[in-house]
Amino acid sequence: MTTSTQPSEPEIKRLDARGLGLLLVLSGALFLEGADIAMLAVALPSIGAEFDLSAGGLQWVMSAYVLGYGGFLLLGGRAADLLGRRRMFLIPLAVFVVFSGIGGLATESWMLIVARFVTGVAAAFMTPAGLSIITTGYAEGAARQKALLIYGAAGAAGYSLGLVLGGLLTLADWRWVFFAPVIMSAVILAFAVRLVPADTVQARRVLRQLDLKGAVALATGLLLLVNTLERASHTSLTMTLVNGVAAAAALAAFVGIERRASEPLVRLGIFRVGTVIRVNLVALLFSAAFFSFQFVIVLYLQELRGWSTLETSLALLIMAIDGVLAPTLTPWLVTRFGHAPVLTAGVLAQAAAFLLFLPMTADWSYFAMLPSLVAMGLAFTLAYGTLAIAATDGVDDSEHGLAGGLLYTAFQVGAALGLAVVSALLVAVSAGGTYALEDYRTALLVPLVAALVAVGVSLVNALVRPQSGGESR
C-alpha cells in the first residue's frame, strides 16, 4: 500500500501574508530549538551548583537532549511522511511545552535529565516535520528558496541569541532557562494551530510501517555507548566492558532490524556511497569537538575565572558571526572552489581555534581569547552549511531526505559523544571534583584531537571522487 500526505491547501507561490505567517511559525519553532540548547549551555554551572553535579552529571543534562534528538530524528522524518506533517509538528510542539515546564520545576537531577530527553525526542519529530512543511507547502523556485533561507537563518539566530538570553535568564534563576521556552513554544503552538495546513493521511493504516523497533534499538545503543564512555573513568573495568558489550549488542540489533525491515529507517546500502561515510564522520567529529570545547570553556570562565553567566554568554557571542557570513560568503566560496575544499578549510579553522585556546592562563584577557572564538565562528561559517551540501554528494535524488537525516543524526550523536568523553576526562584528572587550570588544558585535547581527525577525513574526501551506491540493502 502506498500512502501519501497531501496538503489540503494549494502551494504557497509567494511570501504574502499567509505564506509569511506560516513561515514565521515554522522558523519560530527552529529558533526555539536552537535557543533552547544555547541557553542551557551557559546555565550549566548554576544547575551543577543547585544539584551538586560533577562534570559527568552535567554532561547528561546536555546529552539527554541531543541523544533523544539524534536517536529519534530518523523516525521523526519518517513519521512526518506517514502520519501527517501537521500532526507531527503540533503534537511534539505541545510535548515540548509540557516537558520544558517539568524541567524548570525539577527538584532532583534525574527529573531534569528525563525532561531533557523527552524534550529532545519531541524536537526529533517537530524539526523534520517543519522542514517538510516548507519543502512541500511552498512552490519550487523563489518562494521555497527564500523560505528555506529564512528558516535556516532562524536556527542560527536561535543559537547565537540563546547564548545571551541564557545569561540574562540565569541571572534571575536558572529555572527560567526552562520556563522561557514554555512561553515561547506555547505562543508558537497557538499560531501553529491556525496557520499550519491540514494534510490527509490514514494514520492507523500506516502506523505499522514505522520502524519503531529500529528506532528504539538505535536510541538504546547510543544511550549505552555514551554511558560507557562517561563512566569509564570512575567505574571498574568489568562494568565498563559490560556496558560496552551491551551498547554494541543494541547497535548490532539495530543493523539486524534494518536488514529485515520492509520499511527501514536506514537503507543500509546507502553506506556504499563513500562520501556518505566520510561526510557523516566529519559531521560527527565537528560536532563532538565544538560541544566539548564549549563545555570546557564555559566551566573555565565561570568556575575558574569567576565570570558571570552574562559575561560568559557575551564573550561567546562572537562565534555567531556565521549568522552573517554563512549566507553571504559561503555560497560564493562553494561556487568558486567547490564544497570539498571549503569544508576542509572549515575543519582546519576549527582545529586552529582549539590550538589558539591552549595557552590559556588563569588571568587571560578577553582579547587573548578572541582569535580562538573568531576562528570557531569561521569554522561554522565554512563547514556547517557545506556539510549539508556534501551529505547528498553521489546520493540518488530519491534518498536525499535519508542522507539529510543521517547528517543531522551524526551532528547530535557527535555532540553527545564529545560531551561524554570530555566530562570523563575532567573527572579522571581532577582532584575531588575541583578543576585546576591544567585540568582544563588537558580537557581541551578532546576537541583538538577530534578536529585533527576531521581534517584528515575531509582531506581524503576532497581527493576521492564520489561513487554512487547500490540498490541492495
Protein backbone atom coordinates (compact mmCIF):
# COMPACT_ATOMS: atom_id res chain seq x y z
CA MET A 1 0.00 0.00 0.00
CA THR A 2 1.29 3.44 -0.93
CA THR A 3 0.17 6.32 1.22
CA SER A 4 0.84 9.94 0.51
CA THR A 5 0.39 13.04 2.57
CA GLN A 6 -1.24 15.81 0.57
CA PRO A 7 -1.70 19.35 1.89
CA SER A 8 -5.33 20.33 1.62
CA GLU A 9 -4.43 23.89 0.57
CA PRO A 10 -2.67 24.90 -2.67
CA GLU A 11 1.08 25.51 -2.72
CA ILE A 12 2.26 28.89 -1.49
CA LYS A 13 3.74 30.67 -4.50
CA ARG A 14 4.89 33.86 -2.82
CA LEU A 15 5.57 35.18 0.66
CA ASP A 16 2.28 37.03 1.10
CA ALA A 17 0.60 37.44 4.50
CA ARG A 18 -0.42 33.77 4.63
CA GLY A 19 2.92 32.43 3.45
CA LEU A 20 4.92 34.71 5.72
CA GLY A 21 2.74 33.89 8.72
CA LEU A 22 3.25 30.16 8.28
CA LEU A 23 6.98 30.69 7.76
CA LEU A 24 7.24 32.71 10.98
CA VAL A 25 5.60 29.87 12.90
CA LEU A 26 7.92 27.22 11.44
CA SER A 27 11.01 29.42 11.80
CA GLY A 28 9.98 30.26 15.36
CA ALA A 29 9.99 26.58 16.26
CA LEU A 30 13.50 26.15 14.81
CA PHE A 31 14.66 29.32 16.59
CA LEU A 32 13.29 27.85 19.80
CA GLU A 33 15.18 24.57 19.28
CA GLY A 34 18.48 26.42 18.78
CA ALA A 35 17.89 28.85 21.65
CA ASP A 36 16.92 26.01 24.00
CA ILE A 37 20.31 24.30 23.60
CA ALA A 38 22.30 27.54 23.79
CA MET A 39 20.51 28.89 26.88
CA LEU A 40 21.13 25.66 28.75
CA ALA A 41 24.83 25.65 27.87
CA VAL A 42 25.60 28.85 29.79
CA ALA A 43 23.36 27.82 32.70
CA LEU A 44 25.18 24.53 33.36
CA PRO A 45 27.40 25.76 36.25
CA SER A 46 24.36 27.16 38.08
CA ILE A 47 22.49 23.88 37.57
CA GLY A 48 25.52 21.96 38.81
CA ALA A 49 25.65 24.07 41.96
CA GLU A 50 21.91 23.55 42.60
CA PHE A 51 22.06 19.75 42.35
CA ASP A 52 25.73 19.25 43.35
CA LEU A 53 26.56 17.68 39.99
CA SER A 54 30.06 16.82 38.78
CA ALA A 55 31.13 17.33 35.16
CA GLY A 56 29.84 13.83 34.45
CA GLY A 57 26.42 14.66 35.81
CA LEU A 58 26.30 17.99 33.98
CA GLN A 59 27.10 16.42 30.64
CA TRP A 60 23.99 14.24 30.99
CA VAL A 61 21.84 17.38 31.27
CA MET A 62 23.09 18.30 27.79
CA SER A 63 23.50 14.78 26.39
CA ALA A 64 19.98 13.66 27.34
CA TYR A 65 18.56 16.20 24.91
CA VAL A 66 20.89 15.51 22.00
CA LEU A 67 20.54 11.74 22.44
CA GLY A 68 16.76 11.98 22.39
CA TYR A 69 17.06 14.22 19.34
CA GLY A 70 19.66 12.15 17.49
CA GLY A 71 18.23 8.77 18.42
CA PHE A 72 14.74 9.51 17.07
CA LEU A 73 15.43 12.02 14.27
CA LEU A 74 15.22 9.41 11.50
CA LEU A 75 11.97 8.08 12.93
CA GLY A 76 10.65 11.64 13.17
CA GLY A 77 11.26 12.28 9.49
CA ARG A 78 9.55 9.02 8.54
CA ALA A 79 6.60 9.74 10.86
CA ALA A 80 6.03 13.14 9.22
CA ASP A 81 5.59 11.42 5.85
CA LEU A 82 3.38 8.61 7.13
CA LEU A 83 1.35 10.15 9.95
CA GLY A 84 0.96 13.68 8.67
CA ARG A 85 3.21 16.72 8.79
CA ARG A 86 0.72 18.91 10.68
CA ARG A 87 0.12 16.21 13.30
CA MET A 88 3.84 15.53 13.73
CA PHE A 89 4.51 19.26 14.15
CA LEU A 90 1.74 20.18 16.58
CA ILE A 91 1.81 17.18 18.94
CA PRO A 92 5.61 17.27 19.56
CA LEU A 93 5.41 21.05 19.99
CA ALA A 94 2.81 20.52 22.74
CA VAL A 95 5.06 17.89 24.35
CA PHE A 96 7.92 20.43 24.16
CA VAL A 97 5.77 22.90 26.13
CA VAL A 98 4.92 20.40 28.88
CA PHE A 99 8.36 18.89 29.42
CA SER A 100 10.22 22.20 29.28
CA GLY A 101 7.98 23.20 32.17
CA ILE A 102 8.73 19.94 34.00
CA GLY A 103 12.44 20.64 33.59
CA GLY A 104 12.01 24.04 35.21
CA LEU A 105 10.11 22.51 38.12
CA ALA A 106 12.61 19.66 38.67
CA THR A 107 13.57 19.04 42.28
CA GLU A 108 16.01 16.21 41.51
CA SER A 109 18.66 15.95 38.81
CA TRP A 110 17.13 12.77 37.36
CA MET A 111 13.86 14.64 36.77
CA LEU A 112 15.76 17.29 34.86
CA ILE A 113 17.60 14.71 32.73
CA VAL A 114 14.39 12.79 31.90
CA ALA A 115 12.65 16.04 30.95
CA ARG A 116 15.55 16.96 28.66
CA PHE A 117 15.47 13.54 26.98
CA VAL A 118 11.73 13.75 26.25
CA THR A 119 12.14 17.32 25.01
CA GLY A 120 14.87 16.10 22.64
CA VAL A 121 12.60 13.34 21.32
CA ALA A 122 9.87 15.94 20.73
CA ALA A 123 12.33 18.08 18.75
CA ALA A 124 13.30 15.00 16.72
CA PHE A 125 9.72 14.77 15.44
CA MET A 126 8.97 18.51 15.24
CA THR A 127 12.03 19.67 13.29
CA PRO A 128 11.80 17.36 10.23
CA ALA A 129 8.03 17.92 10.09
CA GLY A 130 8.58 21.69 9.97
CA LEU A 131 11.17 21.39 7.22
CA SER A 132 8.91 19.04 5.28
CA ILE A 133 6.01 21.53 5.52
CA ILE A 134 8.23 24.11 3.81
CA THR A 135 9.52 21.82 1.05
CA THR A 136 6.00 20.58 0.23
CA GLY A 137 3.95 23.69 1.01
CA TYR A 138 5.97 26.37 -0.79
CA ALA A 139 6.19 26.28 -4.57
CA GLU A 140 9.53 25.21 -6.01
CA GLY A 141 11.61 28.19 -7.04
CA ALA A 142 11.93 31.64 -5.50
CA ALA A 143 9.27 31.15 -2.81
CA ARG A 144 10.76 27.92 -1.48
CA GLN A 145 14.35 29.18 -1.69
CA LYS A 146 13.53 32.33 0.26
CA ALA A 147 11.57 30.31 2.80
CA LEU A 148 14.46 27.89 3.33
CA LEU A 149 16.99 30.72 3.69
CA ILE A 150 14.83 32.44 6.33
CA TYR A 151 14.19 29.10 8.06
CA GLY A 152 17.91 28.27 8.24
CA ALA A 153 18.81 31.76 9.46
CA ALA A 154 16.26 31.39 12.27
CA GLY A 155 18.07 28.32 13.59
CA ALA A 156 21.42 30.10 13.58
CA ALA A 157 19.89 33.18 15.24
CA GLY A 158 18.30 30.99 17.91
CA TYR A 159 21.67 29.61 18.90
CA SER A 160 23.55 32.93 18.93
CA LEU A 161 20.80 34.92 20.71
CA GLY A 162 20.19 31.97 23.04
CA LEU A 163 23.66 32.45 24.49
CA VAL A 164 22.76 35.98 25.59
CA LEU A 165 19.23 35.06 26.67
CA GLY A 166 20.62 32.20 28.75
CA GLY A 167 22.98 34.52 30.53
CA LEU A 168 20.25 37.07 31.28
CA LEU A 169 17.75 34.45 32.44
CA THR A 170 20.25 32.64 34.65
CA LEU A 171 21.00 35.90 36.46
CA ALA A 172 17.40 35.74 37.72
CA ASP A 173 17.22 31.96 38.18
CA TRP A 174 18.46 29.07 36.02
CA ARG A 175 14.89 27.68 36.01
CA TRP A 176 13.88 30.49 33.67
CA VAL A 177 16.06 28.81 31.05
CA PHE A 178 13.28 26.18 31.01
CA PHE A 179 10.29 28.42 31.66
CA ALA A 180 11.14 30.84 28.83
CA PRO A 181 10.84 28.08 26.17
CA VAL A 182 7.46 27.15 27.68
CA ILE A 183 6.18 30.65 26.98
CA MET A 184 7.78 30.81 23.53
CA SER A 185 6.57 27.39 22.41
CA ALA A 186 3.04 28.00 23.77
CA VAL A 187 2.76 31.17 21.66
CA ILE A 188 4.09 29.34 18.59
CA LEU A 189 1.66 26.48 19.20
CA ALA A 190 -1.31 28.87 19.39
CA PHE A 191 -0.48 30.34 15.99
CA ALA A 192 0.51 26.98 14.51
CA VAL A 193 -2.94 25.50 15.17
CA ARG A 194 -4.39 28.21 12.92
CA LEU A 195 -1.69 28.50 10.26
CA VAL A 196 -0.19 25.04 9.63
CA PRO A 197 -2.17 23.49 6.75
CA ALA A 198 -4.09 20.27 7.23
CA ASP A 199 -3.00 17.12 5.45
CA THR A 200 -4.88 13.92 4.78
CA VAL A 201 -3.40 10.64 5.90
CA GLN A 202 -4.88 7.47 7.39
CA ALA A 203 -2.61 7.19 10.40
CA ARG A 204 -3.96 3.89 11.70
CA ARG A 205 -3.27 2.10 8.44
CA VAL A 206 0.31 3.34 8.09
CA LEU A 207 1.44 3.17 11.74
CA ARG A 208 2.68 -0.39 11.13
CA GLN A 209 5.10 0.99 8.53
CA LEU A 210 7.02 2.92 11.17
CA ASP A 211 10.22 1.13 12.13
CA LEU A 212 9.68 1.54 15.88
CA LYS A 213 11.91 -1.43 16.76
CA GLY A 214 14.78 0.07 14.82
CA ALA A 215 14.33 3.48 16.45
CA VAL A 216 14.30 2.01 19.97
CA ALA A 217 17.35 -0.18 19.26
CA LEU A 218 19.28 2.83 17.89
CA ALA A 219 18.38 5.11 20.82
CA THR A 220 19.20 2.35 23.35
CA GLY A 221 22.56 1.66 21.74
CA LEU A 222 23.51 5.35 21.74
CA LEU A 223 22.46 5.82 25.37
CA LEU A 224 24.52 2.81 26.45
CA LEU A 225 27.51 3.94 24.40
CA VAL A 226 27.52 7.44 25.93
CA ASN A 227 27.04 5.96 29.40
CA THR A 228 30.01 3.63 28.81
CA LEU A 229 32.29 6.49 27.78
CA GLU A 230 31.19 8.84 30.57
CA ARG A 231 31.56 6.23 33.35
CA ALA A 232 34.79 4.67 32.08
CA SER A 233 36.96 6.98 34.21
CA HIS A 234 35.22 6.22 37.51
CA THR A 235 33.96 2.66 37.33
CA SER A 236 35.57 -0.77 37.22
CA LEU A 237 36.95 -2.31 34.04
CA THR A 238 34.38 -5.10 34.33
CA MET A 239 31.45 -2.67 34.40
CA THR A 240 32.93 -0.72 31.51
CA LEU A 241 33.19 -3.91 29.45
CA VAL A 242 29.64 -4.93 30.37
CA ASN A 243 28.27 -1.54 29.36
CA GLY A 244 30.31 -1.56 26.17
CA VAL A 245 29.12 -5.02 25.16
CA ALA A 246 25.50 -4.02 25.85
CA ALA A 247 25.91 -0.93 23.66
CA ALA A 248 27.46 -2.98 20.86
CA ALA A 249 24.66 -5.54 21.11
CA ALA A 250 21.94 -2.87 20.84
CA LEU A 251 23.61 -1.24 17.83
CA ALA A 252 24.10 -4.66 16.20
CA ALA A 253 20.41 -5.35 16.81
CA PHE A 254 19.61 -2.08 15.03
CA VAL A 255 21.60 -3.18 11.98
CA GLY A 256 19.85 -6.57 12.02
CA ILE A 257 16.43 -4.93 12.25
CA GLU A 258 17.21 -2.59 9.35
CA ARG A 259 18.28 -5.54 7.18
CA ARG A 260 14.95 -7.31 7.73
CA ALA A 261 12.54 -4.36 7.87
CA SER A 262 10.29 -3.83 4.84
CA GLU A 263 10.38 -0.06 5.50
CA PRO A 264 13.70 0.53 7.32
CA LEU A 265 14.69 3.81 8.87
CA VAL A 266 18.01 3.49 7.06
CA ARG A 267 18.58 1.64 3.80
CA LEU A 268 22.00 0.22 4.64
CA GLY A 269 23.05 0.21 1.00
CA ILE A 270 23.41 3.99 1.16
CA PHE A 271 26.68 3.47 3.03
CA ARG A 272 28.13 2.07 -0.19
CA VAL A 273 28.44 5.72 -1.21
CA GLY A 274 31.88 6.69 0.08
CA THR A 275 31.01 10.33 0.64
CA VAL A 276 28.15 9.38 2.98
CA ILE A 277 30.54 7.70 5.40
CA ARG A 278 33.20 10.40 5.17
CA VAL A 279 30.88 13.39 5.40
CA ASN A 280 28.92 11.96 8.31
CA LEU A 281 32.16 11.14 10.12
CA VAL A 282 33.33 14.73 9.64
CA ALA A 283 29.95 15.99 10.93
CA LEU A 284 30.15 13.73 13.99
CA LEU A 285 33.72 14.84 14.79
CA PHE A 286 32.98 18.52 14.10
CA SER A 287 30.00 18.46 16.48
CA ALA A 288 31.86 16.43 19.13
CA ALA A 289 34.72 18.93 19.01
CA PHE A 290 32.51 22.01 19.25
CA PHE A 291 30.27 20.84 22.08
CA SER A 292 33.16 19.51 24.14
CA PHE A 293 35.04 22.80 23.58
CA GLN A 294 32.03 24.87 24.64
CA PHE A 295 31.54 22.66 27.72
CA VAL A 296 35.15 23.20 28.81
CA ILE A 297 35.34 26.95 28.24
CA VAL A 298 32.00 27.65 29.97
CA LEU A 299 33.30 25.84 33.06
CA TYR A 300 36.70 27.54 32.72
CA LEU A 301 35.19 31.03 32.51
CA GLN A 302 32.61 30.59 35.27
CA GLU A 303 34.22 28.12 37.68
CA LEU A 304 37.90 29.07 37.42
CA ARG A 305 37.69 32.72 36.33
CA GLY A 306 34.52 33.61 38.23
CA TRP A 307 32.79 35.23 35.24
CA SER A 308 29.03 35.65 35.43
CA THR A 309 26.71 33.81 33.08
CA LEU A 310 26.02 37.08 31.24
CA GLU A 311 29.73 37.82 30.81
CA THR A 312 30.25 34.29 29.53
CA SER A 313 27.39 34.44 27.04
CA LEU A 314 28.50 37.83 25.72
CA ALA A 315 32.06 36.53 25.33
CA LEU A 316 30.87 33.56 23.26
CA LEU A 317 28.53 35.67 21.13
CA ILE A 318 31.32 36.47 18.63
CA MET A 319 31.11 32.85 17.46
CA ALA A 320 27.73 33.76 15.96
CA ILE A 321 29.40 35.65 13.09
CA ASP A 322 28.42 32.65 10.99
CA GLY A 323 24.85 34.00 11.04
CA VAL A 324 26.10 36.90 8.89
CA LEU A 325 28.86 35.23 6.89
CA ALA A 326 27.29 31.83 6.13
CA PRO A 327 24.52 33.11 3.82
CA THR A 328 26.82 35.65 2.12
CA LEU A 329 30.40 34.37 1.99
CA THR A 330 29.97 30.58 1.94
CA PRO A 331 27.78 30.33 -1.22
CA TRP A 332 30.34 32.35 -3.17
CA LEU A 333 33.22 30.19 -1.93
CA VAL A 334 31.39 26.94 -2.73
CA THR A 335 30.57 28.20 -6.24
CA ARG A 336 34.17 29.33 -6.78
CA PHE A 337 36.08 26.40 -5.26
CA GLY A 338 33.61 23.54 -4.70
CA HIS A 339 32.22 22.25 -1.41
CA ALA A 340 35.04 19.81 -0.53
CA PRO A 341 37.86 22.43 -0.25
CA VAL A 342 35.56 24.80 1.66
CA LEU A 343 34.64 22.03 4.10
CA THR A 344 38.34 21.26 4.64
CA ALA A 345 39.02 24.93 5.33
CA GLY A 346 36.20 24.91 7.89
CA VAL A 347 37.54 21.99 9.89
CA LEU A 348 41.06 23.47 9.68
CA ALA A 349 39.68 26.69 11.20
CA GLN A 350 38.13 24.64 14.00
CA ALA A 351 41.43 22.91 14.78
CA ALA A 352 43.16 26.32 14.76
CA ALA A 353 40.57 27.63 17.24
CA PHE A 354 41.45 24.94 19.76
CA LEU A 355 45.19 25.35 19.29
CA LEU A 356 44.82 29.09 19.89
CA PHE A 357 42.97 28.48 23.17
CA LEU A 358 45.51 26.01 24.60
CA PRO A 359 47.87 28.71 26.03
CA MET A 360 45.05 29.97 28.32
CA THR A 361 46.05 31.26 31.73
CA ALA A 362 44.17 31.95 34.95
CA ASP A 363 44.04 35.68 34.12
CA TRP A 364 43.70 35.59 30.33
CA SER A 365 42.11 38.70 28.85
CA TYR A 366 39.12 38.53 26.52
CA PHE A 367 41.25 39.88 23.68
CA ALA A 368 43.63 36.94 24.14
CA MET A 369 40.68 34.55 23.70
CA LEU A 370 39.20 36.45 20.77
CA PRO A 371 41.25 34.88 17.93
CA SER A 372 40.15 31.41 19.02
CA LEU A 373 36.47 32.39 19.24
CA VAL A 374 36.58 34.15 15.86
CA ALA A 375 38.22 31.06 14.32
CA MET A 376 35.39 28.93 15.74
CA GLY A 377 32.85 31.26 14.15
CA LEU A 378 34.66 30.98 10.82
CA ALA A 379 34.67 27.20 11.19
CA PHE A 380 30.88 27.20 11.44
CA THR A 381 30.67 29.63 8.54
CA LEU A 382 32.64 27.34 6.24
CA ALA A 383 31.69 23.88 7.48
CA TYR A 384 28.10 23.74 8.74
CA GLY A 385 26.18 24.59 5.59
CA THR A 386 28.79 22.95 3.38
CA LEU A 387 28.26 19.65 5.18
CA ALA A 388 24.59 19.80 4.19
CA ILE A 389 25.61 20.13 0.53
CA ALA A 390 28.27 17.41 0.76
CA ALA A 391 25.88 15.00 2.50
CA THR A 392 23.99 14.36 -0.75
CA ASP A 393 27.07 14.18 -2.99
CA GLY A 394 26.83 10.95 -5.00
CA VAL A 395 23.46 10.04 -3.44
CA ASP A 396 20.43 9.35 -5.64
CA ASP A 397 17.81 12.12 -5.61
CA SER A 398 15.23 9.76 -4.11
CA GLU A 399 17.39 9.36 -0.97
CA HIS A 400 18.33 12.99 -0.31
CA GLY A 401 15.93 13.01 2.63
CA LEU A 402 17.62 9.97 4.16
CA ALA A 403 21.06 11.50 3.58
CA GLY A 404 19.96 14.68 5.36
CA GLY A 405 18.53 12.68 8.25
CA LEU A 406 21.80 10.79 8.64
CA LEU A 407 23.76 14.04 8.66
CA TYR A 408 21.75 15.68 11.45
CA THR A 409 21.75 12.44 13.41
CA ALA A 410 25.55 12.46 13.15
CA PHE A 411 25.60 16.04 14.50
CA GLN A 412 23.54 15.11 17.55
CA VAL A 413 25.35 11.84 18.26
CA GLY A 414 28.69 13.61 17.91
CA ALA A 415 27.60 16.21 20.47
CA ALA A 416 26.65 13.50 22.97
CA LEU A 417 29.88 11.56 22.46
CA GLY A 418 32.05 14.67 22.72
CA LEU A 419 30.37 15.71 25.97
CA ALA A 420 30.73 12.20 27.41
CA VAL A 421 34.43 11.90 26.61
CA VAL A 422 35.43 15.38 27.79
CA SER A 423 33.47 15.07 31.05
CA ALA A 424 35.01 11.65 31.71
CA LEU A 425 38.47 13.12 31.18
CA LEU A 426 37.77 16.05 33.51
CA VAL A 427 36.59 13.66 36.23
CA ALA A 428 39.68 11.48 35.73
CA VAL A 429 42.24 14.31 36.02
CA SER A 430 40.55 16.44 38.69
CA ALA A 431 41.17 16.33 42.41
CA GLY A 432 37.87 15.60 44.14
CA GLY A 433 35.74 17.40 41.55
CA THR A 434 37.75 20.63 41.74
CA TYR A 435 39.22 21.60 38.39
CA ALA A 436 42.54 23.40 38.05
CA LEU A 437 43.88 25.26 35.04
CA GLU A 438 45.89 22.24 33.88
CA ASP A 439 42.75 20.10 34.01
CA TYR A 440 41.03 22.42 31.54
CA ARG A 441 44.08 22.38 29.28
CA THR A 442 44.06 18.58 29.32
CA ALA A 443 40.34 18.50 28.56
CA LEU A 444 40.90 20.72 25.51
CA LEU A 445 42.83 17.85 23.94
CA VAL A 446 39.48 16.11 23.33
CA PRO A 447 38.13 18.72 20.87
CA LEU A 448 41.60 19.22 19.39
CA VAL A 449 42.09 15.53 18.57
CA ALA A 450 38.55 15.27 17.17
CA ALA A 451 39.16 18.31 14.96
CA LEU A 452 42.51 16.99 13.69
CA VAL A 453 40.93 13.65 12.76
CA ALA A 454 38.15 15.57 10.99
CA VAL A 455 40.79 17.45 8.99
CA GLY A 456 42.30 14.15 7.84
CA VAL A 457 38.92 12.70 6.82
CA SER A 458 37.91 15.88 4.99
CA LEU A 459 41.21 15.91 3.08
CA VAL A 460 40.53 12.34 1.94
CA ASN A 461 37.01 13.37 0.97
CA ALA A 462 38.38 16.26 -1.11
CA LEU A 463 40.71 13.92 -3.01
CA VAL A 464 38.36 10.98 -3.63
CA ARG A 465 35.57 11.28 -6.20
CA PRO A 466 32.09 10.20 -5.02
CA GLN A 467 30.70 6.87 -6.18
CA SER A 468 27.02 6.01 -6.40
CA GLY A 469 25.62 3.44 -4.01
CA GLY A 470 23.96 0.17 -4.93
CA GLU A 471 20.30 -0.69 -4.72
CA SER A 472 20.63 -3.51 -2.23
CA ARG A 473 20.36 -3.08 1.47
